[in-house]
Amino acid sequence: IADVSGKGTSAAFYAAETKGVLAALDKVALGPREVLTRLNAIWCETHPRQVFLTAIYGIFNPHDGTFAFARAGHPSGFLRRGSGDVERLTPMGIGIGMSPDRFEAMLGLAEGRLEPGDSLLFFTDGLSEAQNPEGEFFGEDRLETALAAGSGDSKTCVLLAVDAFLE
């Protein structure tokens, strides 16, 4: 999941270009940190510094439930256990294109295992920055609360909470 800085046609172009670069990388042989580090190197060589993107890139193994992901300046991820417990996953990381030299050293990795009933939730700031009529943002704290309090699948819990917040 990624989010390019800016809006409009140029942001859409950069997003499509990034998708192509990711498709070209040999992701089978690379872990999440390596994929994002290579994407950052390519981005820094070909884009102006004021244009950057945030991203989460991960790998999930459906056979044993293991996952690993790296977060390049993107909003936190959430792990919701089948029991209803919620954990915010925030490995370190700066946005892609922000530093050609320090990026890799600042990039962390989150790893774990999903059990039956568990889910991971990743999102862009369009969700956390949804504003109610009073101008308040939905925010990550409300998102975490919605995941912990809701029953059913994570997507439904979040969408119902955001819908109620926007009224």
N, C-alpha and C. Protein backbone atom coordinates (compact mmCIF):
# COMPACT_ATOMS: atom_id res chain seq x y z
N ILE A 1 0.87 -1.16 0.00
CA ILE A 1 0.00 0.00 0.00
C ILE A 1 0.91 1.22 0.00
N ALA A 2 0.54 2.22 -0.79
CA ALA A 2 1.39 3.41 -0.89
C ALA A 2 0.52 4.64 -1.08
N ASP A 3 1.12 5.79 -0.78
CA ASP A 3 0.43 7.07 -0.93
C ASP A 3 1.46 8.09 -1.40
N VAL A 4 1.24 8.65 -2.58
CA VAL A 4 2.16 9.62 -3.16
C VAL A 4 1.81 11.01 -2.66
N SER A 5 2.84 11.82 -2.39
CA SER A 5 2.58 13.19 -1.99
C SER A 5 1.94 13.95 -3.16
N GLY A 6 1.09 14.89 -2.82
CA GLY A 6 0.44 15.69 -3.86
C GLY A 6 -0.89 15.10 -4.26
N LYS A 7 -1.47 15.71 -5.27
CA LYS A 7 -2.80 15.31 -5.74
C LYS A 7 -2.84 15.39 -7.26
N GLY A 8 -3.91 14.89 -7.81
CA GLY A 8 -4.16 15.06 -9.24
C GLY A 8 -3.39 14.12 -10.13
N THR A 9 -3.23 14.58 -11.38
CA THR A 9 -2.65 13.76 -12.43
C THR A 9 -1.21 13.36 -12.13
N SER A 10 -0.40 14.29 -11.61
CA SER A 10 1.00 13.96 -11.35
C SER A 10 1.12 12.89 -10.27
N ALA A 11 0.32 12.98 -9.21
CA ALA A 11 0.36 11.96 -8.17
C ALA A 11 -0.07 10.60 -8.72
N ALA A 12 -1.09 10.60 -9.57
CA ALA A 12 -1.55 9.35 -10.18
C ALA A 12 -0.46 8.76 -11.07
N PHE A 13 0.26 9.61 -11.80
CA PHE A 13 1.35 9.14 -12.65
C PHE A 13 2.44 8.50 -11.80
N TYR A 14 2.84 9.18 -10.71
CA TYR A 14 3.88 8.63 -9.83
C TYR A 14 3.44 7.31 -9.22
N ALA A 15 2.16 7.20 -8.87
CA ALA A 15 1.66 5.95 -8.30
C ALA A 15 1.74 4.82 -9.33
N ALA A 16 1.36 5.09 -10.56
CA ALA A 16 1.43 4.07 -11.61
C ALA A 16 2.89 3.69 -11.89
N GLU A 17 3.76 4.68 -11.91
CA GLU A 17 5.18 4.41 -12.12
C GLU A 17 5.73 3.52 -11.00
N THR A 18 5.36 3.81 -9.77
CA THR A 18 5.82 3.03 -8.62
C THR A 18 5.32 1.60 -8.70
N LYS A 19 4.09 1.43 -9.11
CA LYS A 19 3.53 0.08 -9.28
C LYS A 19 4.35 -0.71 -10.30
N GLY A 20 4.76 -0.05 -11.38
CA GLY A 20 5.59 -0.70 -12.39
C GLY A 20 6.96 -1.09 -11.86
N VAL A 21 7.57 -0.21 -11.09
CA VAL A 21 8.88 -0.52 -10.50
C VAL A 21 8.76 -1.71 -9.56
N LEU A 22 7.73 -1.70 -8.72
CA LEU A 22 7.54 -2.82 -7.79
C LEU A 22 7.31 -4.13 -8.54
N ALA A 23 6.57 -4.07 -9.63
CA ALA A 23 6.33 -5.27 -10.42
C ALA A 23 7.62 -5.81 -11.03
N ALA A 24 8.56 -4.93 -11.34
CA ALA A 24 9.81 -5.34 -11.97
C ALA A 24 10.83 -5.91 -10.97
N LEU A 25 10.70 -5.56 -9.70
CA LEU A 25 11.65 -6.07 -8.71
C LEU A 25 11.40 -7.56 -8.47
N ASP A 26 12.46 -8.29 -8.24
CA ASP A 26 12.34 -9.72 -7.96
C ASP A 26 11.98 -9.88 -6.49
N LYS A 27 10.70 -9.73 -6.19
CA LYS A 27 10.25 -9.73 -4.81
C LYS A 27 10.34 -11.11 -4.16
N VAL A 28 10.42 -12.15 -4.96
CA VAL A 28 10.53 -13.50 -4.41
C VAL A 28 11.86 -13.65 -3.67
N ALA A 29 12.89 -13.06 -4.19
CA ALA A 29 14.22 -13.19 -3.61
C ALA A 29 14.53 -12.09 -2.59
N LEU A 30 13.64 -11.13 -2.44
CA LEU A 30 13.90 -9.99 -1.56
C LEU A 30 12.88 -9.95 -0.43
N GLY A 31 13.31 -9.49 0.73
CA GLY A 31 12.39 -9.26 1.83
C GLY A 31 11.81 -7.86 1.74
N PRO A 32 10.86 -7.52 2.60
CA PRO A 32 10.22 -6.21 2.56
C PRO A 32 11.20 -5.03 2.69
N ARG A 33 12.19 -5.14 3.56
CA ARG A 33 13.16 -4.05 3.70
C ARG A 33 13.94 -3.85 2.40
N GLU A 34 14.34 -4.94 1.79
CA GLU A 34 15.13 -4.86 0.56
C GLU A 34 14.31 -4.28 -0.59
N VAL A 35 13.04 -4.68 -0.69
CA VAL A 35 12.18 -4.14 -1.75
C VAL A 35 12.05 -2.63 -1.61
N LEU A 36 11.74 -2.17 -0.38
CA LEU A 36 11.57 -0.72 -0.19
C LEU A 36 12.88 0.03 -0.33
N THR A 37 13.99 -0.57 0.07
CA THR A 37 15.30 0.08 -0.08
C THR A 37 15.63 0.25 -1.56
N ARG A 38 15.37 -0.76 -2.37
CA ARG A 38 15.61 -0.63 -3.82
C ARG A 38 14.67 0.38 -4.46
N LEU A 39 13.41 0.38 -4.04
CA LEU A 39 12.46 1.37 -4.55
C LEU A 39 12.93 2.78 -4.19
N ASN A 40 13.42 2.97 -2.98
CA ASN A 40 13.92 4.29 -2.56
C ASN A 40 15.11 4.72 -3.41
N ALA A 41 16.03 3.81 -3.67
CA ALA A 41 17.20 4.15 -4.48
C ALA A 41 16.78 4.59 -5.89
N ILE A 42 15.86 3.85 -6.49
CA ILE A 42 15.37 4.22 -7.83
C ILE A 42 14.64 5.55 -7.78
N TRP A 43 13.79 5.74 -6.79
CA TRP A 43 13.01 6.98 -6.65
C TRP A 43 13.94 8.18 -6.48
N CYS A 44 14.95 8.06 -5.62
CA CYS A 44 15.87 9.18 -5.37
C CYS A 44 16.67 9.57 -6.61
N GLU A 45 16.94 8.61 -7.48
CA GLU A 45 17.68 8.90 -8.71
C GLU A 45 16.82 9.59 -9.76
N THR A 46 15.51 9.40 -9.71
CA THR A 46 14.67 9.82 -10.83
C THR A 46 13.60 10.86 -10.50
N HIS A 47 13.49 11.27 -9.25
CA HIS A 47 12.43 12.21 -8.88
C HIS A 47 12.99 13.38 -8.08
N PRO A 48 12.34 14.55 -8.18
CA PRO A 48 12.77 15.68 -7.36
C PRO A 48 12.52 15.38 -5.88
N ARG A 49 13.33 15.97 -5.03
CA ARG A 49 13.28 15.66 -3.59
C ARG A 49 11.94 16.01 -2.94
N GLN A 50 11.26 17.02 -3.46
CA GLN A 50 9.99 17.43 -2.84
C GLN A 50 8.85 16.45 -3.13
N VAL A 51 9.07 15.51 -4.05
CA VAL A 51 8.07 14.49 -4.34
C VAL A 51 8.50 13.19 -3.64
N PHE A 52 7.63 12.69 -2.78
CA PHE A 52 7.96 11.47 -2.04
C PHE A 52 6.70 10.63 -1.92
N LEU A 53 6.86 9.44 -1.39
CA LEU A 53 5.71 8.61 -1.12
C LEU A 53 5.92 7.85 0.17
N THR A 54 4.82 7.48 0.79
CA THR A 54 4.87 6.61 1.95
C THR A 54 4.38 5.25 1.49
N ALA A 55 4.84 4.22 2.17
CA ALA A 55 4.46 2.87 1.73
C ALA A 55 4.60 1.86 2.86
N ILE A 56 3.84 0.82 2.74
CA ILE A 56 4.03 -0.40 3.53
C ILE A 56 4.14 -1.52 2.50
N TYR A 57 5.18 -2.31 2.66
CA TYR A 57 5.33 -3.46 1.78
C TYR A 57 5.55 -4.69 2.66
N GLY A 58 4.79 -5.72 2.40
CA GLY A 58 4.91 -6.90 3.23
C GLY A 58 4.74 -8.20 2.48
N ILE A 59 5.01 -9.26 3.20
CA ILE A 59 4.90 -10.62 2.69
C ILE A 59 4.07 -11.42 3.69
N PHE A 60 3.13 -12.19 3.17
CA PHE A 60 2.31 -13.06 4.01
C PHE A 60 2.40 -14.48 3.47
N ASN A 61 2.64 -15.42 4.36
CA ASN A 61 2.68 -16.83 3.98
C ASN A 61 1.40 -17.50 4.48
N PRO A 62 0.47 -17.81 3.58
CA PRO A 62 -0.81 -18.39 4.02
C PRO A 62 -0.69 -19.81 4.58
N HIS A 63 0.43 -20.48 4.32
CA HIS A 63 0.59 -21.85 4.80
C HIS A 63 0.86 -21.92 6.29
N ASP A 64 1.64 -20.96 6.80
CA ASP A 64 1.94 -20.99 8.24
C ASP A 64 1.49 -19.72 8.97
N GLY A 65 0.91 -18.76 8.25
CA GLY A 65 0.39 -17.55 8.87
C GLY A 65 1.42 -16.48 9.19
N THR A 66 2.67 -16.70 8.80
CA THR A 66 3.69 -15.70 9.13
C THR A 66 3.58 -14.50 8.20
N PHE A 67 3.94 -13.34 8.75
CA PHE A 67 3.97 -12.11 7.96
C PHE A 67 5.19 -11.30 8.36
N ALA A 68 5.62 -10.45 7.44
CA ALA A 68 6.68 -9.49 7.70
C ALA A 68 6.39 -8.28 6.83
N PHE A 69 6.55 -7.08 7.39
CA PHE A 69 6.38 -5.88 6.58
C PHE A 69 7.29 -4.78 7.07
N ALA A 70 7.62 -3.88 6.14
CA ALA A 70 8.39 -2.69 6.44
C ALA A 70 7.49 -1.48 6.16
N ARG A 71 7.70 -0.41 6.90
CA ARG A 71 6.84 0.77 6.82
C ARG A 71 7.71 1.99 6.53
N ALA A 72 7.56 2.55 5.33
CA ALA A 72 8.35 3.70 4.91
C ALA A 72 7.51 4.98 5.07
N GLY A 73 7.44 5.47 6.31
CA GLY A 73 6.74 6.72 6.58
C GLY A 73 5.23 6.65 6.52
N HIS A 74 4.67 5.49 6.28
CA HIS A 74 3.23 5.31 6.13
C HIS A 74 2.57 5.22 7.52
N PRO A 75 1.26 5.50 7.60
CA PRO A 75 0.58 5.31 8.89
C PRO A 75 0.75 3.89 9.42
N SER A 76 0.60 3.76 10.73
CA SER A 76 0.75 2.46 11.41
C SER A 76 -0.14 1.39 10.80
N GLY A 77 0.27 0.16 10.98
CA GLY A 77 -0.59 -0.96 10.69
C GLY A 77 -1.19 -1.46 12.00
N PHE A 78 -2.25 -2.23 11.92
CA PHE A 78 -2.87 -2.78 13.13
C PHE A 78 -3.03 -4.29 12.98
N LEU A 79 -2.76 -4.99 14.07
CA LEU A 79 -2.99 -6.42 14.15
C LEU A 79 -4.17 -6.62 15.10
N ARG A 80 -5.24 -7.20 14.58
CA ARG A 80 -6.41 -7.48 15.39
C ARG A 80 -6.50 -8.99 15.58
N ARG A 81 -6.38 -9.40 16.83
CA ARG A 81 -6.46 -10.82 17.16
C ARG A 81 -7.91 -11.27 17.17
N GLY A 82 -8.14 -12.54 16.99
CA GLY A 82 -9.48 -13.11 17.04
C GLY A 82 -10.15 -12.85 18.39
N SER A 83 -9.34 -12.66 19.43
CA SER A 83 -9.87 -12.38 20.78
C SER A 83 -10.39 -10.95 20.90
N GLY A 84 -10.08 -10.09 19.91
CA GLY A 84 -10.47 -8.69 19.97
C GLY A 84 -9.33 -7.77 20.41
N ASP A 85 -8.23 -8.33 20.89
CA ASP A 85 -7.07 -7.52 21.26
C ASP A 85 -6.49 -6.88 20.00
N VAL A 86 -6.05 -5.63 20.11
CA VAL A 86 -5.52 -4.89 18.97
C VAL A 86 -4.13 -4.38 19.32
N GLU A 87 -3.22 -4.54 18.38
CA GLU A 87 -1.85 -4.05 18.55
C GLU A 87 -1.51 -3.14 17.38
N ARG A 88 -0.99 -1.96 17.70
CA ARG A 88 -0.52 -1.03 16.66
C ARG A 88 0.90 -1.44 16.29
N LEU A 89 1.14 -1.61 15.00
CA LEU A 89 2.45 -2.06 14.51
C LEU A 89 3.14 -0.87 13.85
N THR A 90 4.24 -0.43 14.44
CA THR A 90 4.90 0.79 13.98
C THR A 90 6.41 0.62 13.82
N PRO A 91 6.84 -0.25 12.93
CA PRO A 91 8.29 -0.30 12.71
C PRO A 91 8.77 1.05 12.16
N MET A 92 10.00 1.41 12.47
CA MET A 92 10.56 2.68 12.02
C MET A 92 10.58 2.77 10.51
N GLY A 93 10.65 3.99 10.01
CA GLY A 93 10.80 4.19 8.58
C GLY A 93 10.48 5.60 8.15
N ILE A 94 11.21 6.11 7.18
CA ILE A 94 10.94 7.43 6.61
C ILE A 94 10.41 7.24 5.19
N GLY A 95 9.78 8.27 4.66
CA GLY A 95 9.18 8.19 3.34
C GLY A 95 10.19 7.92 2.24
N ILE A 96 9.72 7.26 1.20
CA ILE A 96 10.55 6.96 0.03
C ILE A 96 10.82 8.26 -0.72
N GLY A 97 12.09 8.52 -0.99
CA GLY A 97 12.50 9.73 -1.67
C GLY A 97 12.97 10.82 -0.73
N MET A 98 12.91 10.58 0.57
CA MET A 98 13.30 11.60 1.54
C MET A 98 14.79 11.58 1.85
N SER A 99 15.44 10.45 1.65
CA SER A 99 16.88 10.37 1.91
C SER A 99 17.49 9.23 1.11
N PRO A 100 18.45 9.53 0.24
CA PRO A 100 19.12 8.44 -0.47
C PRO A 100 20.13 7.71 0.42
N ASP A 101 20.58 8.36 1.49
CA ASP A 101 21.66 7.81 2.31
C ASP A 101 21.21 7.14 3.60
N ARG A 102 20.21 7.70 4.28
CA ARG A 102 19.81 7.20 5.60
C ARG A 102 18.62 6.25 5.55
N PHE A 103 18.00 6.09 4.40
CA PHE A 103 16.74 5.34 4.30
C PHE A 103 16.86 3.93 4.89
N GLU A 104 17.81 3.16 4.40
CA GLU A 104 17.92 1.76 4.81
C GLU A 104 18.17 1.62 6.31
N ALA A 105 19.04 2.47 6.86
CA ALA A 105 19.35 2.41 8.29
C ALA A 105 18.15 2.75 9.15
N MET A 106 17.21 3.52 8.61
CA MET A 106 16.05 3.95 9.38
C MET A 106 14.82 3.07 9.14
N LEU A 107 14.97 1.98 8.41
CA LEU A 107 13.84 1.15 8.02
C LEU A 107 13.78 -0.10 8.90
N GLY A 108 12.70 -0.22 9.68
CA GLY A 108 12.50 -1.37 10.53
C GLY A 108 11.64 -2.44 9.87
N LEU A 109 11.43 -3.51 10.60
CA LEU A 109 10.65 -4.63 10.11
C LEU A 109 9.73 -5.11 11.22
N ALA A 110 8.48 -5.36 10.90
CA ALA A 110 7.54 -5.98 11.85
C ALA A 110 7.29 -7.40 11.36
N GLU A 111 7.34 -8.34 12.27
CA GLU A 111 7.13 -9.74 11.93
C GLU A 111 6.17 -10.38 12.93
N GLY A 112 5.44 -11.37 12.49
CA GLY A 112 4.55 -12.07 13.39
C GLY A 112 3.85 -13.22 12.70
N ARG A 113 2.84 -13.74 13.39
CA ARG A 113 2.08 -14.86 12.87
C ARG A 113 0.60 -14.59 13.11
N LEU A 114 -0.19 -14.79 12.07
CA LEU A 114 -1.64 -14.68 12.20
C LEU A 114 -2.21 -16.05 12.54
N GLU A 115 -3.06 -16.07 13.54
CA GLU A 115 -3.79 -17.28 13.91
C GLU A 115 -5.18 -17.17 13.30
N PRO A 116 -5.92 -18.26 13.21
CA PRO A 116 -7.29 -18.18 12.68
C PRO A 116 -8.09 -17.10 13.44
N GLY A 117 -8.77 -16.25 12.68
CA GLY A 117 -9.55 -15.16 13.27
C GLY A 117 -8.80 -13.85 13.39
N ASP A 118 -7.47 -13.86 13.20
CA ASP A 118 -6.66 -12.64 13.26
C ASP A 118 -6.72 -11.91 11.93
N SER A 119 -6.43 -10.61 11.96
CA SER A 119 -6.35 -9.86 10.71
C SER A 119 -5.36 -8.71 10.85
N LEU A 120 -4.82 -8.31 9.73
CA LEU A 120 -3.96 -7.12 9.64
C LEU A 120 -4.75 -6.04 8.92
N LEU A 121 -4.59 -4.80 9.35
CA LEU A 121 -5.25 -3.68 8.70
C LEU A 121 -4.21 -2.63 8.35
N PHE A 122 -4.16 -2.28 7.06
CA PHE A 122 -3.32 -1.20 6.57
C PHE A 122 -4.23 -0.20 5.86
N PHE A 123 -3.89 1.06 5.87
CA PHE A 123 -4.75 2.10 5.33
C PHE A 123 -3.92 3.31 4.94
N THR A 124 -4.53 4.22 4.19
CA THR A 124 -3.88 5.48 3.88
C THR A 124 -4.45 6.57 4.78
N ASP A 125 -3.84 7.73 4.75
CA ASP A 125 -4.28 8.82 5.63
C ASP A 125 -5.67 9.35 5.27
N GLY A 126 -6.22 8.95 4.14
CA GLY A 126 -7.60 9.32 3.82
C GLY A 126 -8.57 8.79 4.87
N LEU A 127 -8.26 7.67 5.48
CA LEU A 127 -9.11 7.12 6.54
C LEU A 127 -8.90 7.88 7.85
N SER A 128 -7.67 7.99 8.30
CA SER A 128 -7.41 8.64 9.59
C SER A 128 -7.70 10.14 9.55
N GLU A 129 -7.66 10.75 8.36
CA GLU A 129 -7.92 12.19 8.25
C GLU A 129 -9.35 12.51 7.83
N ALA A 130 -10.25 11.51 7.88
CA ALA A 130 -11.66 11.79 7.65
C ALA A 130 -12.13 12.77 8.72
N GLN A 131 -12.85 13.83 8.30
CA GLN A 131 -13.26 14.88 9.23
C GLN A 131 -14.76 14.86 9.45
N ASN A 132 -15.16 15.02 10.72
CA ASN A 132 -16.58 15.12 11.05
C ASN A 132 -17.03 16.57 10.86
N PRO A 133 -18.32 16.86 11.03
CA PRO A 133 -18.81 18.23 10.81
C PRO A 133 -18.14 19.28 11.72
N GLU A 134 -17.60 18.86 12.85
CA GLU A 134 -16.91 19.80 13.76
C GLU A 134 -15.45 20.01 13.36
N GLY A 135 -14.99 19.33 12.32
CA GLY A 135 -13.63 19.49 11.83
C GLY A 135 -12.60 18.60 12.52
N GLU A 136 -13.06 17.65 13.34
CA GLU A 136 -12.14 16.73 14.00
C GLU A 136 -11.76 15.60 13.05
N PHE A 137 -10.52 15.14 13.17
CA PHE A 137 -10.07 13.99 12.39
C PHE A 137 -10.47 12.70 13.08
N PHE A 138 -10.74 11.66 12.28
CA PHE A 138 -11.04 10.34 12.84
C PHE A 138 -9.84 9.83 13.63
N GLY A 139 -8.67 9.86 13.06
CA GLY A 139 -7.43 9.54 13.76
C GLY A 139 -7.18 8.06 13.99
N GLU A 140 -5.94 7.76 14.30
CA GLU A 140 -5.55 6.37 14.55
C GLU A 140 -6.06 5.85 15.89
N ASP A 141 -6.22 6.73 16.89
CA ASP A 141 -6.73 6.26 18.18
C ASP A 141 -8.17 5.78 18.05
N ARG A 142 -9.01 6.52 17.31
CA ARG A 142 -10.39 6.07 17.09
C ARG A 142 -10.42 4.78 16.26
N LEU A 143 -9.50 4.68 15.33
CA LEU A 143 -9.41 3.47 14.53
C LEU A 143 -9.08 2.27 15.41
N GLU A 144 -8.12 2.43 16.28
CA GLU A 144 -7.75 1.34 17.20
C GLU A 144 -8.93 0.97 18.10
N THR A 145 -9.63 1.96 18.61
CA THR A 145 -10.80 1.72 19.46
C THR A 145 -11.88 0.98 18.69
N ALA A 146 -12.13 1.39 17.46
CA ALA A 146 -13.15 0.74 16.63
C ALA A 146 -12.80 -0.73 16.39
N LEU A 147 -11.54 -1.01 16.13
CA LEU A 147 -11.12 -2.39 15.91
C LEU A 147 -11.30 -3.23 17.16
N ALA A 148 -10.97 -2.67 18.32
CA ALA A 148 -11.06 -3.41 19.57
C ALA A 148 -12.51 -3.60 20.02
N ALA A 149 -13.36 -2.63 19.76
CA ALA A 149 -14.74 -2.67 20.26
C ALA A 149 -15.69 -3.42 19.33
N GLY A 150 -15.34 -3.48 18.05
CA GLY A 150 -16.26 -4.06 17.07
C GLY A 150 -16.27 -5.56 17.06
N SER A 151 -17.35 -6.09 16.54
CA SER A 151 -17.41 -7.53 16.32
C SER A 151 -17.55 -7.74 14.81
N GLY A 152 -17.18 -8.89 14.34
CA GLY A 152 -17.21 -9.14 12.90
C GLY A 152 -15.87 -8.81 12.28
N ASP A 153 -15.88 -8.73 10.95
CA ASP A 153 -14.61 -8.51 10.26
C ASP A 153 -14.12 -7.07 10.46
N SER A 154 -12.81 -6.89 10.36
CA SER A 154 -12.17 -5.60 10.62
C SER A 154 -12.68 -4.50 9.70
N LYS A 155 -12.83 -4.82 8.43
CA LYS A 155 -13.27 -3.81 7.47
C LYS A 155 -14.64 -3.25 7.85
N THR A 156 -15.56 -4.12 8.19
CA THR A 156 -16.90 -3.67 8.57
C THR A 156 -16.86 -2.82 9.84
N CYS A 157 -16.08 -3.24 10.83
CA CYS A 157 -15.95 -2.48 12.08
C CYS A 157 -15.46 -1.06 11.80
N VAL A 158 -14.45 -0.96 10.98
CA VAL A 158 -13.87 0.35 10.67
C VAL A 158 -14.84 1.21 9.88
N LEU A 159 -15.45 0.66 8.85
CA LEU A 159 -16.36 1.45 8.02
C LEU A 159 -17.57 1.93 8.82
N LEU A 160 -18.10 1.10 9.70
CA LEU A 160 -19.23 1.52 10.54
C LEU A 160 -18.81 2.65 11.48
N ALA A 161 -17.61 2.54 12.06
CA ALA A 161 -17.13 3.57 12.99
C ALA A 161 -16.89 4.89 12.27
N VAL A 162 -16.29 4.84 11.09
CA VAL A 162 -16.04 6.08 10.33
C VAL A 162 -17.36 6.70 9.90
N ASP A 163 -18.29 5.90 9.43
CA ASP A 163 -19.60 6.40 9.01
C ASP A 163 -20.30 7.11 10.17
N ALA A 164 -20.30 6.50 11.35
CA ALA A 164 -20.93 7.12 12.52
C ALA A 164 -20.20 8.41 12.91
N PHE A 165 -18.89 8.44 12.80
CA PHE A 165 -18.10 9.63 13.12
C PHE A 165 -18.39 10.79 12.18
N LEU A 166 -18.64 10.50 10.93
CA LEU A 166 -18.87 11.55 9.93
C LEU A 166 -20.25 12.18 10.02
N GLU A 167 -21.20 11.54 10.71
CA GLU A 167 -22.57 12.08 10.79
C GLU A 167 -22.65 13.30 11.67
